[in-house]
Amino acid sequence: MSTFTENYDFIKPDNEDYYDIQDFNENMDAIDAQLAQAEQKVAAIQASIATAEESLAAINKKLGTPPDGQSISSLLQNGGSVIRSIQYVVYAAPKTPSYGGTLTIQEVTPEKTFVITERLNNISDSLINFSYTLSSNAITIKHTGCNVDVVKIGFWVVEFV
């Protein structure tokens, strides 16, 4: 009698079973579906990496060329004379078709401020449309379409000198 694999329930015919092409086809369909899901996850990770690289490039552009021997990350960690303030705030809203909110922050100069966002509990497709605007003392958020019960997004607000 056939058994099934532990993780994906692929059919494993027993030695006494007759070979059934349908079993083979079902296994191939299941493998195909798992590979497609894995490819989608890889694409989402690659998109996140590209976004992070764009964010780092924008930080580098605002900072200019760091002094010899220093990296952007060391400047961010050590602060030095290039960063005026770093704030971290979290936006949390219940699952709704459309929502907006405002987070109050310490006053910043928007032209000298860079905002990095991070999705805290959201899968890559949990927000169909997400945007925010930065003012001197607030971040205004809008989003539509959500697949999780509570949307959570972190905002790193980095103000440069």
C-alpha atoms as a PDB file:
ATOM      1  CA  MET A   1       0.000   0.000   0.000  1.00  0.00           C
ATOM      2  CA  SER A   2       1.299   3.468  -0.880  1.00  0.00           C
ATOM      3  CA  THR A   3       2.611   5.854   1.742  1.00  0.00           C
ATOM      4  CA  PHE A   4       3.211   9.610   1.582  1.00  0.00           C
ATOM      5  CA  THR A   5       6.256  11.773   2.170  1.00  0.00           C
ATOM      6  CA  GLU A   6       6.381  13.679   5.450  1.00  0.00           C
ATOM      7  CA  ASN A   7       6.612  17.262   4.184  1.00  0.00           C
ATOM      8  CA  TYR A   8       4.729  17.477   0.891  1.00  0.00           C
ATOM      9  CA  ASP A   9       2.569  14.335   0.840  1.00  0.00           C
ATOM     10  CA  PHE A  10       4.156  12.975  -2.327  1.00  0.00           C
ATOM     11  CA  ILE A  11       2.880   9.499  -3.130  1.00  0.00           C
ATOM     12  CA  LYS A  12       5.373   6.710  -2.410  1.00  0.00           C
ATOM     13  CA  PRO A  13       4.173   3.453  -3.944  1.00  0.00           C
ATOM     14  CA  ASP A  14       5.098   0.314  -2.038  1.00  0.00           C
ATOM     15  CA  ASN A  15       7.271  -2.358  -3.696  1.00  0.00           C
ATOM     16  CA  GLU A  16       4.220  -4.597  -4.172  1.00  0.00           C
ATOM     17  CA  ASP A  17       2.133  -1.815  -5.799  1.00  0.00           C
ATOM     18  CA  TYR A  18       1.659  -1.592  -9.531  1.00  0.00           C
ATOM     19  CA  TYR A  19       3.148   1.561 -10.977  1.00  0.00           C
ATOM     20  CA  ASP A  20       0.390   4.112 -11.586  1.00  0.00           C
ATOM     21  CA  ILE A  21       1.194   6.997 -13.929  1.00  0.00           C
ATOM     22  CA  GLN A  22      -1.426   9.090 -12.089  1.00  0.00           C
ATOM     23  CA  ASP A  23       0.696   8.877  -8.910  1.00  0.00           C
ATOM     24  CA  PHE A  24       3.698  10.144 -10.865  1.00  0.00           C
ATOM     25  CA  ASN A  25       1.649  12.990 -12.375  1.00  0.00           C
ATOM     26  CA  GLU A  26       0.253  14.037  -8.979  1.00  0.00           C
ATOM     27  CA  ASN A  27       3.771  14.125  -7.527  1.00  0.00           C
ATOM     28  CA  MET A  28       5.012  16.231 -10.469  1.00  0.00           C
ATOM     29  CA  ASP A  29       2.093  18.668 -10.079  1.00  0.00           C
ATOM     30  CA  ALA A  30       2.842  19.011  -6.360  1.00  0.00           C
ATOM     31  CA  ILE A  31       6.566  19.574  -7.043  1.00  0.00           C
ATOM     32  CA  ASP A  32       5.709  22.151  -9.707  1.00  0.00           C
ATOM     33  CA  ALA A  33       3.433  24.039  -7.280  1.00  0.00           C
ATOM     34  CA  GLN A  34       6.088  24.020  -4.530  1.00  0.00           C
ATOM     35  CA  LEU A  35       8.772  25.273  -6.933  1.00  0.00           C
ATOM     36  CA  ALA A  36       6.481  28.072  -8.140  1.00  0.00           C
ATOM     37  CA  GLN A  37       5.855  29.166  -4.528  1.00  0.00           C
ATOM     38  CA  ALA A  38       9.578  29.087  -3.813  1.00  0.00           C
ATOM     39  CA  GLU A  39      10.281  31.207  -6.908  1.00  0.00           C
ATOM     40  CA  GLN A  40       7.693  33.771  -5.778  1.00  0.00           C
ATOM     41  CA  LYS A  41       9.284  33.954  -2.333  1.00  0.00           C
ATOM     42  CA  VAL A  42      12.741  34.370  -3.860  1.00  0.00           C
ATOM     43  CA  ALA A  43      11.423  37.158  -6.113  1.00  0.00           C
ATOM     44  CA  ALA A  44       9.925  38.932  -3.077  1.00  0.00           C
ATOM     45  CA  ILE A  45      13.230  38.651  -1.214  1.00  0.00           C
ATOM     46  CA  GLN A  46      15.130  39.959  -4.248  1.00  0.00           C
ATOM     47  CA  ALA A  47      12.713  42.909  -4.458  1.00  0.00           C
ATOM     48  CA  SER A  48      13.300  43.634  -0.752  1.00  0.00           C
ATOM     49  CA  ILE A  49      17.052  43.537  -1.290  1.00  0.00           C
ATOM     50  CA  ALA A  50      16.738  45.908  -4.263  1.00  0.00           C
ATOM     51  CA  THR A  51      14.654  48.282  -2.134  1.00  0.00           C
ATOM     52  CA  ALA A  52      17.255  48.147   0.651  1.00  0.00           C
ATOM     53  CA  GLU A  53      20.032  48.846  -1.869  1.00  0.00           C
ATOM     54  CA  GLU A  54      18.073  51.828  -3.207  1.00  0.00           C
ATOM     55  CA  SER A  55      17.611  53.078   0.365  1.00  0.00           C
ATOM     56  CA  LEU A  56      21.328  52.754   1.063  1.00  0.00           C
ATOM     57  CA  ALA A  57      22.138  54.554  -2.185  1.00  0.00           C
ATOM     58  CA  ALA A  58      19.797  57.391  -1.196  1.00  0.00           C
ATOM     59  CA  ILE A  59      21.424  57.601   2.256  1.00  0.00           C
ATOM     60  CA  ASN A  60      24.839  57.678   0.625  1.00  0.00           C
ATOM     61  CA  LYS A  61      23.679  60.455  -1.698  1.00  0.00           C
ATOM     62  CA  LYS A  62      22.444  62.548   1.259  1.00  0.00           C
ATOM     63  CA  LEU A  63      25.611  61.900   3.250  1.00  0.00           C
ATOM     64  CA  GLY A  64      28.020  62.321   0.383  1.00  0.00           C
ATOM     65  CA  THR A  65      31.255  60.379   0.378  1.00  0.00           C
ATOM     66  CA  PRO A  66      32.125  59.137   3.866  1.00  0.00           C
ATOM     67  CA  PRO A  67      35.555  59.935   5.300  1.00  0.00           C
ATOM     68  CA  ASP A  68      38.312  57.462   4.403  1.00  0.00           C
ATOM     69  CA  GLY A  69      38.001  54.200   6.250  1.00  0.00           C
ATOM     70  CA  GLN A  70      34.361  54.709   7.277  1.00  0.00           C
ATOM     71  CA  SER A  71      31.321  53.023   5.847  1.00  0.00           C
ATOM     72  CA  ILE A  72      27.792  54.391   5.794  1.00  0.00           C
ATOM     73  CA  SER A  73      26.767  51.791   8.382  1.00  0.00           C
ATOM     74  CA  SER A  74      29.544  52.903  10.763  1.00  0.00           C
ATOM     75  CA  LEU A  75      28.440  56.509  10.342  1.00  0.00           C
ATOM     76  CA  LEU A  76      24.868  55.496  11.154  1.00  0.00           C
ATOM     77  CA  GLN A  77      25.958  53.447  14.161  1.00  0.00           C
ATOM     78  CA  ASN A  78      28.335  56.041  15.534  1.00  0.00           C
ATOM     79  CA  GLY A  79      26.331  59.087  14.556  1.00  0.00           C
ATOM     80  CA  GLY A  80      29.331  61.310  14.193  1.00  0.00           C
ATOM     81  CA  SER A  81      28.662  64.798  12.957  1.00  0.00           C
ATOM     82  CA  VAL A  82      26.398  63.842  10.049  1.00  0.00           C
ATOM     83  CA  ILE A  83      23.274  62.635  11.872  1.00  0.00           C
ATOM     84  CA  ARG A  84      21.137  65.012  13.891  1.00  0.00           C
ATOM     85  CA  SER A  85      18.546  62.480  15.112  1.00  0.00           C
ATOM     86  CA  ILE A  86      17.253  58.946  14.648  1.00  0.00           C
ATOM     87  CA  GLN A  87      13.683  58.085  15.578  1.00  0.00           C
ATOM     88  CA  TYR A  88      11.773  54.833  15.339  1.00  0.00           C
ATOM     89  CA  VAL A  89       7.975  54.690  15.294  1.00  0.00           C
ATOM     90  CA  VAL A  90       5.518  51.891  14.501  1.00  0.00           C
ATOM     91  CA  TYR A  91       2.279  52.179  12.562  1.00  0.00           C
ATOM     92  CA  ALA A  92      -0.343  49.588  13.496  1.00  0.00           C
ATOM     93  CA  ALA A  93      -3.850  49.436  12.040  1.00  0.00           C
ATOM     94  CA  PRO A  94      -6.526  46.743  11.884  1.00  0.00           C
ATOM     95  CA  LYS A  95      -7.233  44.854   8.672  1.00  0.00           C
ATOM     96  CA  THR A  96      -9.548  47.024   6.596  1.00  0.00           C
ATOM     97  CA  PRO A  97     -10.102  47.609   2.893  1.00  0.00           C
ATOM     98  CA  SER A  98      -8.681  51.114   3.186  1.00  0.00           C
ATOM     99  CA  TYR A  99      -7.072  52.930   6.085  1.00  0.00           C
ATOM    100  CA  GLY A 100      -4.922  55.887   6.883  1.00  0.00           C
ATOM    101  CA  GLY A 101      -3.299  57.225   9.994  1.00  0.00           C
ATOM    102  CA  THR A 102      -0.837  59.721  11.346  1.00  0.00           C
ATOM    103  CA  LEU A 103       2.192  59.104  13.551  1.00  0.00           C
ATOM    104  CA  THR A 104       3.568  62.015  15.529  1.00  0.00           C
ATOM    105  CA  ILE A 105       7.357  62.347  15.497  1.00  0.00           C
ATOM    106  CA  GLN A 106       9.865  64.760  16.955  1.00  0.00           C
ATOM    107  CA  GLU A 107      10.295  67.751  14.688  1.00  0.00           C
ATOM    108  CA  VAL A 108      12.640  67.252  11.729  1.00  0.00           C
ATOM    109  CA  THR A 109      13.601  69.120   8.585  1.00  0.00           C
ATOM    110  CA  PRO A 110      11.991  66.967   5.848  1.00  0.00           C
ATOM    111  CA  GLU A 111      14.558  68.012   3.223  1.00  0.00           C
ATOM    112  CA  LYS A 112      17.341  66.647   5.439  1.00  0.00           C
ATOM    113  CA  THR A 113      15.495  63.531   6.548  1.00  0.00           C
ATOM    114  CA  PHE A 114      15.498  60.019   5.178  1.00  0.00           C
ATOM    115  CA  VAL A 115      12.788  57.489   6.095  1.00  0.00           C
ATOM    116  CA  ILE A 116      13.323  53.736   5.944  1.00  0.00           C
ATOM    117  CA  THR A 117      10.249  51.542   6.265  1.00  0.00           C
ATOM    118  CA  GLU A 118      10.042  47.936   7.350  1.00  0.00           C
ATOM    119  CA  ARG A 119       7.039  45.637   7.233  1.00  0.00           C
ATOM    120  CA  LEU A 120       6.943  44.077  10.663  1.00  0.00           C
ATOM    121  CA  ASN A 121       4.310  41.351  10.379  1.00  0.00           C
ATOM    122  CA  ASN A 122       3.326  41.606   6.765  1.00  0.00           C
ATOM    123  CA  ILE A 123       4.039  39.200   3.970  1.00  0.00           C
ATOM    124  CA  SER A 124       5.209  40.841   0.778  1.00  0.00           C
ATOM    125  CA  ASP A 125       1.738  41.005  -0.770  1.00  0.00           C
ATOM    126  CA  SER A 126      -0.163  42.080   2.356  1.00  0.00           C
ATOM    127  CA  LEU A 127      -0.499  45.699   1.255  1.00  0.00           C
ATOM    128  CA  ILE A 128      -1.745  46.318  -2.243  1.00  0.00           C
ATOM    129  CA  ASN A 129      -1.042  50.026  -2.019  1.00  0.00           C
ATOM    130  CA  PHE A 130       1.010  51.683   0.689  1.00  0.00           C
ATOM    131  CA  SER A 131       2.248  55.242   0.810  1.00  0.00           C
ATOM    132  CA  TYR A 132       3.325  57.800   3.355  1.00  0.00           C
ATOM    133  CA  THR A 133       4.215  61.461   3.484  1.00  0.00           C
ATOM    134  CA  LEU A 134       6.625  63.116   5.864  1.00  0.00           C
ATOM    135  CA  SER A 135       6.038  66.534   7.380  1.00  0.00           C
ATOM    136  CA  SER A 136       8.122  68.309   9.998  1.00  0.00           C
ATOM    137  CA  ASN A 137       6.373  66.558  12.902  1.00  0.00           C
ATOM    138  CA  ALA A 138       4.338  63.672  11.463  1.00  0.00           C
ATOM    139  CA  ILE A 139       4.206  60.731   9.100  1.00  0.00           C
ATOM    140  CA  THR A 140       0.853  60.308   7.350  1.00  0.00           C
ATOM    141  CA  ILE A 141       0.132  56.771   6.143  1.00  0.00           C
ATOM    142  CA  LYS A 142      -2.370  55.427   3.611  1.00  0.00           C
ATOM    143  CA  HIS A 143      -2.886  51.800   2.646  1.00  0.00           C
ATOM    144  CA  THR A 144      -5.424  49.652   0.856  1.00  0.00           C
ATOM    145  CA  GLY A 145      -5.857  45.928   0.670  1.00  0.00           C
ATOM    146  CA  CYS A 146      -4.495  43.820   3.475  1.00  0.00           C
ATOM    147  CA  ASN A 147      -4.175  40.058   4.088  1.00  0.00           C
ATOM    148  CA  VAL A 148      -3.249  40.187   7.785  1.00  0.00           C
ATOM    149  CA  ASP A 149      -5.344  41.051  10.845  1.00  0.00           C
ATOM    150  CA  VAL A 150      -3.139  43.960  11.888  1.00  0.00           C
ATOM    151  CA  VAL A 151      -0.886  45.941   9.578  1.00  0.00           C
ATOM    152  CA  LYS A 152       2.409  46.887  11.252  1.00  0.00           C
ATOM    153  CA  ILE A 153       5.072  49.012   9.635  1.00  0.00           C
ATOM    154  CA  GLY A 154       8.169  50.404  11.299  1.00  0.00           C
ATOM    155  CA  PHE A 155       9.562  53.796  10.318  1.00  0.00           C
ATOM    156  CA  TRP A 156      13.196  54.733  10.874  1.00  0.00           C
ATOM    157  CA  VAL A 157      13.376  58.522  10.612  1.00  0.00           C
ATOM    158  CA  VAL A 158      16.994  59.639  10.141  1.00  0.00           C
ATOM    159  CA  GLU A 159      17.636  63.377  10.082  1.00  0.00           C
ATOM    160  CA  PHE A 160      20.980  64.550   8.752  1.00  0.00           C
ATOM    161  CA  VAL A 161      22.844  67.706   9.692  1.00  0.00           C
END
